[in-house]
PDB file of N, CA and C in Angstrom:
ATOM      1  N   MET A   1      -3.785   1.812  -6.171  1.00  0.00           N
ATOM      2  CA  MET A   1      -3.217   0.496  -5.928  1.00  0.00           C
ATOM      3  C   MET A   1      -2.543   0.471  -4.561  1.00  0.00           C
ATOM      4  N   ILE A   2      -1.353   1.048  -4.468  1.00  0.00           N
ATOM      5  CA  ILE A   2      -0.698   1.156  -3.165  1.00  0.00           C
ATOM      6  C   ILE A   2      -0.545   2.634  -2.851  1.00  0.00           C
ATOM      7  N   GLU A   3      -0.991   3.021  -1.663  1.00  0.00           N
ATOM      8  CA  GLU A   3      -1.134   4.427  -1.344  1.00  0.00           C
ATOM      9  C   GLU A   3       0.167   5.177  -1.080  1.00  0.00           C
ATOM     10  N   ASN A   4       1.173   4.515  -0.546  1.00  0.00           N
ATOM     11  CA  ASN A   4       2.381   5.225  -0.101  1.00  0.00           C
ATOM     12  C   ASN A   4       3.368   5.524  -1.211  1.00  0.00           C
ATOM     13  N   TYR A   5       3.037   5.146  -2.448  1.00  0.00           N
ATOM     14  CA  TYR A   5       4.014   5.322  -3.539  1.00  0.00           C
ATOM     15  C   TYR A   5       3.330   6.037  -4.688  1.00  0.00           C
ATOM     16  N   SER A   6       4.118   6.833  -5.415  1.00  0.00           N
ATOM     17  CA  SER A   6       3.576   7.648  -6.493  1.00  0.00           C
ATOM     18  C   SER A   6       3.086   6.781  -7.641  1.00  0.00           C
ATOM     19  N   ASP A   7       2.241   7.364  -8.462  1.00  0.00           N
ATOM     20  CA  ASP A   7       1.754   6.695  -9.661  1.00  0.00           C
ATOM     21  C   ASP A   7       2.935   6.349 -10.554  1.00  0.00           C
ATOM     22  N   GLU A   8       3.935   7.226 -10.562  1.00  0.00           N
ATOM     23  CA  GLU A   8       5.138   6.991 -11.380  1.00  0.00           C
ATOM     24  C   GLU A   8       5.880   5.747 -10.928  1.00  0.00           C
ATOM     25  N   THR A   9       6.046   5.587  -9.636  1.00  0.00           N
ATOM     26  CA  THR A   9       6.712   4.394  -9.082  1.00  0.00           C
ATOM     27  C   THR A   9       5.912   3.149  -9.414  1.00  0.00           C
ATOM     28  N   GLN A  10       4.623   3.212  -9.257  1.00  0.00           N
ATOM     29  CA  GLN A  10       3.811   2.065  -9.549  1.00  0.00           C
ATOM     30  C   GLN A  10       3.812   1.730 -11.046  1.00  0.00           C
ATOM     31  N   ALA A  11       3.780   2.723 -11.893  1.00  0.00           N
ATOM     32  CA  ALA A  11       3.849   2.490 -13.331  1.00  0.00           C
ATOM     33  C   ALA A  11       5.196   1.870 -13.728  1.00  0.00           C
ATOM     34  N   ARG A  12       6.262   2.329 -13.101  1.00  0.00           N
ATOM     35  CA  ARG A  12       7.576   1.762 -13.393  1.00  0.00           C
ATOM     36  C   ARG A  12       7.636   0.289 -13.006  1.00  0.00           C
ATOM     37  N   LEU A  13       7.083  -0.012 -11.822  1.00  0.00           N
ATOM     38  CA  LEU A  13       7.042  -1.393 -11.376  1.00  0.00           C
ATOM     39  C   LEU A  13       6.160  -2.284 -12.271  1.00  0.00           C
ATOM     40  N   MET A  14       5.063  -1.715 -12.713  1.00  0.00           N
ATOM     41  CA  MET A  14       4.215  -2.475 -13.661  1.00  0.00           C
ATOM     42  C   MET A  14       4.944  -2.762 -14.949  1.00  0.00           C
ATOM     43  N   ALA A  15       5.779  -1.865 -15.373  1.00  0.00           N
ATOM     44  CA  ALA A  15       6.548  -2.055 -16.618  1.00  0.00           C
ATOM     45  C   ALA A  15       7.751  -2.954 -16.456  1.00  0.00           C
ATOM     46  N   THR A  16       8.296  -3.015 -15.273  1.00  0.00           N
ATOM     47  CA  THR A  16       9.572  -3.715 -15.109  1.00  0.00           C
ATOM     48  C   THR A  16       9.553  -4.970 -14.215  1.00  0.00           C
ATOM     49  N   SER A  17       8.533  -5.167 -13.432  1.00  0.00           N
ATOM     50  CA  SER A  17       8.509  -6.286 -12.503  1.00  0.00           C
ATOM     51  C   SER A  17       7.365  -7.256 -12.786  1.00  0.00           C
ATOM     52  N   ASP A  18       7.751  -8.460 -13.234  1.00  0.00           N
ATOM     53  CA  ASP A  18       6.750  -9.492 -13.486  1.00  0.00           C
ATOM     54  C   ASP A  18       5.988  -9.832 -12.191  1.00  0.00           C
ATOM     55  N   GLU A  19       6.702  -9.903 -11.072  1.00  0.00           N
ATOM     56  CA  GLU A  19       6.107 -10.245  -9.812  1.00  0.00           C
ATOM     57  C   GLU A  19       5.074  -9.165  -9.412  1.00  0.00           C
ATOM     58  N   PHE A  20       5.439  -7.921  -9.542  1.00  0.00           N
ATOM     59  CA  PHE A  20       4.537  -6.815  -9.190  1.00  0.00           C
ATOM     60  C   PHE A  20       3.279  -6.855 -10.072  1.00  0.00           C
ATOM     61  N   ARG A  21       3.482  -7.085 -11.375  1.00  0.00           N
ATOM     62  CA  ARG A  21       2.335  -7.173 -12.303  1.00  0.00           C
ATOM     63  C   ARG A  21       1.385  -8.338 -11.866  1.00  0.00           C
ATOM     64  N   LYS A  22       1.943  -9.473 -11.529  1.00  0.00           N
ATOM     65  CA  LYS A  22       1.161 -10.628 -11.145  1.00  0.00           C
ATOM     66  C   LYS A  22       0.370 -10.307  -9.892  1.00  0.00           C
ATOM     67  N   LEU A  23       1.049  -9.706  -8.911  1.00  0.00           N
ATOM     68  CA  LEU A  23       0.352  -9.345  -7.659  1.00  0.00           C
ATOM     69  C   LEU A  23      -0.745  -8.328  -7.910  1.00  0.00           C
ATOM     70  N   ALA A  24      -0.453  -7.331  -8.764  1.00  0.00           N
ATOM     71  CA  ALA A  24      -1.457  -6.296  -9.087  1.00  0.00           C
ATOM     72  C   ALA A  24      -2.670  -6.905  -9.781  1.00  0.00           C
ATOM     73  N   ALA A  25      -2.450  -7.857 -10.659  1.00  0.00           N
ATOM     74  CA  ALA A  25      -3.550  -8.518 -11.372  1.00  0.00           C
ATOM     75  C   ALA A  25      -4.433  -9.298 -10.379  1.00  0.00           C
ATOM     76  N   GLU A  26      -3.793 -10.045  -9.486  1.00  0.00           N
ATOM     77  CA  GLU A  26      -4.531 -10.769  -8.453  1.00  0.00           C
ATOM     78  C   GLU A  26      -5.328  -9.797  -7.559  1.00  0.00           C
ATOM     79  N   HIS A  27      -4.668  -8.708  -7.162  1.00  0.00           N
ATOM     80  CA  HIS A  27      -5.285  -7.713  -6.314  1.00  0.00           C
ATOM     81  C   HIS A  27      -6.540  -7.163  -6.993  1.00  0.00           C
ATOM     82  N   SER A  28      -6.443  -6.838  -8.283  1.00  0.00           N
ATOM     83  CA  SER A  28      -7.591  -6.324  -9.038  1.00  0.00           C
ATOM     84  C   SER A  28      -8.705  -7.340  -9.117  1.00  0.00           C
ATOM     85  N   SER A  29      -8.318  -8.597  -9.333  1.00  0.00           N
ATOM     86  CA  SER A  29      -9.315  -9.696  -9.431  1.00  0.00           C
ATOM     87  C   SER A  29     -10.071  -9.825  -8.125  1.00  0.00           C
ATOM     88  N   TYR A  30      -9.337  -9.812  -7.009  1.00  0.00           N
ATOM     89  CA  TYR A  30     -10.018  -9.908  -5.710  1.00  0.00           C
ATOM     90  C   TYR A  30     -10.908  -8.690  -5.467  1.00  0.00           C
ATOM     91  N   ASP A  31     -10.406  -7.522  -5.858  1.00  0.00           N
ATOM     92  CA  ASP A  31     -11.187  -6.289  -5.685  1.00  0.00           C
ATOM     93  C   ASP A  31     -12.502  -6.353  -6.447  1.00  0.00           C
ATOM     94  N   ARG A  32     -12.438  -6.834  -7.684  1.00  0.00           N
ATOM     95  CA  ARG A  32     -13.675  -6.946  -8.491  1.00  0.00           C
ATOM     96  C   ARG A  32     -14.694  -7.882  -7.821  1.00  0.00           C
ATOM     97  N   ARG A  33     -14.198  -9.016  -7.337  1.00  0.00           N
ATOM     98  CA  ARG A  33     -15.091  -9.984  -6.674  1.00  0.00           C
ATOM     99  C   ARG A  33     -15.683  -9.404  -5.392  1.00  0.00           C
ATOM    100  N   ILE A  34     -14.886  -8.702  -4.642  1.00  0.00           N
ATOM    101  CA  ILE A  34     -15.360  -8.067  -3.408  1.00  0.00           C
ATOM    102  C   ILE A  34     -16.439  -7.023  -3.739  1.00  0.00           C
ATOM    103  N   GLU A  35     -16.210  -6.271  -4.788  1.00  0.00           N
ATOM    104  CA  GLU A  35     -17.223  -5.263  -5.227  1.00  0.00           C
ATOM    105  C   GLU A  35     -18.502  -5.973  -5.657  1.00  0.00           C
ATOM    106  N   GLU A  36     -18.362  -7.085  -6.377  1.00  0.00           N
ATOM    107  CA  GLU A  36     -19.538  -7.834  -6.804  1.00  0.00           C
ATOM    108  C   GLU A  36     -20.341  -8.334  -5.610  1.00  0.00           C
ATOM    109  N   LEU A  37     -19.649  -8.879  -4.654  1.00  0.00           N
ATOM    110  CA  LEU A  37     -20.322  -9.384  -3.439  1.00  0.00           C
ATOM    111  C   LEU A  37     -20.954  -8.206  -2.676  1.00  0.00           C
ATOM    112  N   GLY A  38     -20.224  -7.095  -2.596  1.00  0.00           N
ATOM    113  CA  GLY A  38     -20.710  -5.936  -1.887  1.00  0.00           C
ATOM    114  C   GLY A  38     -21.945  -5.289  -2.492  1.00  0.00           C
ATOM    115  N   SER A  39     -22.146  -5.515  -3.777  1.00  0.00           N
ATOM    116  CA  SER A  39     -23.305  -4.917  -4.455  1.00  0.00           C
ATOM    117  C   SER A  39     -24.601  -5.675  -4.176  1.00  0.00           C
ATOM    118  N   ARG A  40     -24.480  -6.858  -3.611  1.00  0.00           N
ATOM    119  CA  ARG A  40     -25.660  -7.652  -3.321  1.00  0.00           C
ATOM    120  C   ARG A  40     -26.329  -7.168  -2.049  1.00  0.00           C
ATOM    121  N   ARG A  41     -27.606  -7.279  -2.015  1.00  0.00           N
ATOM    122  CA  ARG A  41     -28.374  -6.849  -0.853  1.00  0.00           C
ATOM    123  C   ARG A  41     -28.090  -7.770   0.351  1.00  0.00           C
ATOM    124  N   PHE A  42     -28.073  -9.044   0.102  1.00  0.00           N
ATOM    125  CA  PHE A  42     -27.810 -10.009   1.183  1.00  0.00           C
ATOM    126  C   PHE A  42     -26.799 -11.026   0.699  1.00  0.00           C
ATOM    127  N   LEU A  43     -25.944 -11.443   1.599  1.00  0.00           N
ATOM    128  CA  LEU A  43     -24.943 -12.471   1.270  1.00  0.00           C
ATOM    129  C   LEU A  43     -25.266 -13.725   2.107  1.00  0.00           C
ATOM    130  N   SER A  44     -25.100 -14.876   1.438  1.00  0.00           N
ATOM    131  CA  SER A  44     -25.223 -16.123   2.187  1.00  0.00           C
ATOM    132  C   SER A  44     -24.036 -16.250   3.136  1.00  0.00           C
ATOM    133  N   GLU A  45     -24.105 -17.180   4.047  1.00  0.00           N
ATOM    134  CA  GLU A  45     -22.973 -17.378   4.971  1.00  0.00           C
ATOM    135  C   GLU A  45     -21.688 -17.703   4.182  1.00  0.00           C
ATOM    136  N   LYS A  46     -21.833 -18.516   3.155  1.00  0.00           N
ATOM    137  CA  LYS A  46     -20.673 -18.891   2.312  1.00  0.00           C
ATOM    138  C   LYS A  46     -20.110 -17.653   1.636  1.00  0.00           C
ATOM    139  N   GLU A  47     -20.948 -16.805   1.140  1.00  0.00           N
ATOM    140  CA  GLU A  47     -20.493 -15.568   0.471  1.00  0.00           C
ATOM    141  C   GLU A  47     -19.829 -14.612   1.460  1.00  0.00           C
ATOM    142  N   GLN A  48     -20.374 -14.540   2.684  1.00  0.00           N
ATOM    143  CA  GLN A  48     -19.759 -13.700   3.710  1.00  0.00           C
ATOM    144  C   GLN A  48     -18.361 -14.189   4.030  1.00  0.00           C
ATOM    145  N   LEU A  49     -18.194 -15.487   4.145  1.00  0.00           N
ATOM    146  CA  LEU A  49     -16.878 -16.065   4.401  1.00  0.00           C
ATOM    147  C   LEU A  49     -15.908 -15.806   3.234  1.00  0.00           C
ATOM    148  N   GLU A  50     -16.444 -15.949   2.032  1.00  0.00           N
ATOM    149  CA  GLU A  50     -15.639 -15.677   0.851  1.00  0.00           C
ATOM    150  C   GLU A  50     -15.179 -14.227   0.839  1.00  0.00           C
ATOM    151  N   GLU A  51     -16.088 -13.304   1.125  1.00  0.00           N
ATOM    152  CA  GLU A  51     -15.756 -11.891   1.123  1.00  0.00           C
ATOM    153  C   GLU A  51     -14.659 -11.588   2.145  1.00  0.00           C
ATOM    154  N   ALA A  52     -14.784 -12.153   3.357  1.00  0.00           N
ATOM    155  CA  ALA A  52     -13.781 -11.925   4.423  1.00  0.00           C
ATOM    156  C   ALA A  52     -12.437 -12.474   3.999  1.00  0.00           C
ATOM    157  N   LYS A  53     -12.424 -13.652   3.420  1.00  0.00           N
ATOM    158  CA  LYS A  53     -11.186 -14.287   2.961  1.00  0.00           C
ATOM    159  C   LYS A  53     -10.532 -13.442   1.853  1.00  0.00           C
ATOM    160  N   LEU A  54     -11.347 -12.985   0.885  1.00  0.00           N
ATOM    161  CA  LEU A  54     -10.811 -12.175  -0.208  1.00  0.00           C
ATOM    162  C   LEU A  54     -10.213 -10.872   0.303  1.00  0.00           C
ATOM    163  N   LYS A  55     -10.836 -10.266   1.278  1.00  0.00           N
ATOM    164  CA  LYS A  55     -10.320  -9.007   1.846  1.00  0.00           C
ATOM    165  C   LYS A  55      -8.972  -9.268   2.507  1.00  0.00           C
ATOM    166  N   LYS A  56      -8.824 -10.347   3.219  1.00  0.00           N
ATOM    167  CA  LYS A  56      -7.541 -10.691   3.864  1.00  0.00           C
ATOM    168  C   LYS A  56      -6.447 -10.979   2.778  1.00  0.00           C
ATOM    169  N   MET A  57      -6.844 -11.722   1.765  1.00  0.00           N
ATOM    170  CA  MET A  57      -5.912 -12.049   0.688  1.00  0.00           C
ATOM    171  C   MET A  57      -5.500 -10.783  -0.067  1.00  0.00           C
ATOM    172  N   LYS A  58      -6.428  -9.892  -0.288  1.00  0.00           N
ATOM    173  CA  LYS A  58      -6.142  -8.626  -0.994  1.00  0.00           C
ATOM    174  C   LYS A  58      -5.182  -7.752  -0.180  1.00  0.00           C
ATOM    175  N   LEU A  59      -5.394  -7.718   1.115  1.00  0.00           N
ATOM    176  CA  LEU A  59      -4.505  -6.953   1.991  1.00  0.00           C
ATOM    177  C   LEU A  59      -3.092  -7.539   1.987  1.00  0.00           C
ATOM    178  N   HIS A  60      -3.020  -8.860   1.999  1.00  0.00           N
ATOM    179  CA  HIS A  60      -1.724  -9.542   1.949  1.00  0.00           C
ATOM    180  C   HIS A  60      -0.988  -9.186   0.657  1.00  0.00           C
ATOM    181  N   LEU A  61      -1.743  -9.207  -0.469  1.00  0.00           N
ATOM    182  CA  LEU A  61      -1.104  -8.853  -1.743  1.00  0.00           C
ATOM    183  C   LEU A  61      -0.615  -7.382  -1.737  1.00  0.00           C
ATOM    184  N   LYS A  62      -1.424  -6.498  -1.156  1.00  0.00           N
ATOM    185  CA  LYS A  62      -1.037  -5.096  -1.061  1.00  0.00           C
ATOM    186  C   LYS A  62       0.242  -4.968  -0.255  1.00  0.00           C
ATOM    187  N   ASP A  63       0.369  -5.697   0.825  1.00  0.00           N
ATOM    188  CA  ASP A  63       1.596  -5.685   1.632  1.00  0.00           C
ATOM    189  C   ASP A  63       2.788  -6.138   0.796  1.00  0.00           C
ATOM    190  N   GLN A  64       2.599  -7.212   0.029  1.00  0.00           N
ATOM    191  CA  GLN A  64       3.675  -7.698  -0.816  1.00  0.00           C
ATOM    192  C   GLN A  64       4.093  -6.648  -1.863  1.00  0.00           C
ATOM    193  N   MET A  65       3.077  -5.981  -2.467  1.00  0.00           N
ATOM    194  CA  MET A  65       3.338  -4.968  -3.452  1.00  0.00           C
ATOM    195  C   MET A  65       4.112  -3.773  -2.842  1.00  0.00           C
ATOM    196  N   GLU A  66       3.713  -3.404  -1.626  1.00  0.00           N
ATOM    197  CA  GLU A  66       4.399  -2.304  -0.962  1.00  0.00           C
ATOM    198  C   GLU A  66       5.843  -2.695  -0.618  1.00  0.00           C
ATOM    199  N   HIS A  67       6.053  -3.929  -0.292  1.00  0.00           N
ATOM    200  CA  HIS A  67       7.427  -4.392  -0.006  1.00  0.00           C
ATOM    201  C   HIS A  67       8.267  -4.280  -1.285  1.00  0.00           C
ATOM    202  N   ILE A  68       7.731  -4.704  -2.403  1.00  0.00           N
ATOM    203  CA  ILE A  68       8.461  -4.614  -3.687  1.00  0.00           C
ATOM    204  C   ILE A  68       8.706  -3.139  -4.037  1.00  0.00           C
ATOM    205  N   ALA A  69       7.724  -2.298  -3.842  1.00  0.00           N
ATOM    206  CA  ALA A  69       7.887  -0.863  -4.145  1.00  0.00           C
ATOM    207  C   ALA A  69       8.930  -0.244  -3.245  1.00  0.00           C
ATOM    208  N   HIS A  70       8.914  -0.616  -1.993  1.00  0.00           N
ATOM    209  CA  HIS A  70       9.904  -0.067  -1.061  1.00  0.00           C
ATOM    210  C   HIS A  70      11.338  -0.483  -1.470  1.00  0.00           C
ATOM    211  N   ASP A  71      11.472  -1.753  -1.801  1.00  0.00           N
ATOM    212  CA  ASP A  71      12.788  -2.238  -2.269  1.00  0.00           C
ATOM    213  C   ASP A  71      13.214  -1.524  -3.550  1.00  0.00           C
ATOM    214  N   GLY A  72      12.250  -1.289  -4.434  1.00  0.00           N
ATOM    215  CA  GLY A  72      12.576  -0.637  -5.697  1.00  0.00           C
ATOM    216  C   GLY A  72      12.982   0.818  -5.549  1.00  0.00           C
ATOM    217  N   VAL A  73      12.404   1.463  -4.554  1.00  0.00           N
ATOM    218  CA  VAL A  73      12.695   2.894  -4.285  1.00  0.00           C
ATOM    219  C   VAL A  73      14.030   3.029  -3.568  1.00  0.00           C
ATOM    220  N   THR A  74      14.362   2.101  -2.687  1.00  0.00           N
ATOM    221  CA  THR A  74      15.576   2.249  -1.903  1.00  0.00           C
ATOM    222  C   THR A  74      16.824   1.649  -2.593  1.00  0.00           C
ATOM    223  N   HIS A  75      16.607   0.952  -3.687  1.00  0.00           N
ATOM    224  CA  HIS A  75      17.771   0.389  -4.408  1.00  0.00           C
ATOM    225  C   HIS A  75      18.053   1.112  -5.661  1.00  0.00           C
TER     226      HIS A  75
END
């Protein structure tokens, strides 16, 4: 999920933070759709735009999750 934090930290956040859980669920949803699009031989222009947008949104969610994890570790 987020690379700079241990599985233990991530598990704790999944158990204690509604916001982190929501972001993680969205991240997983975007990841599944990106994988689905990536498995196709050819993408329409619309699908290519969707894939690019999903990748940006997924990265933004990851940044938000890392911010929450950082705050949780330092507090």
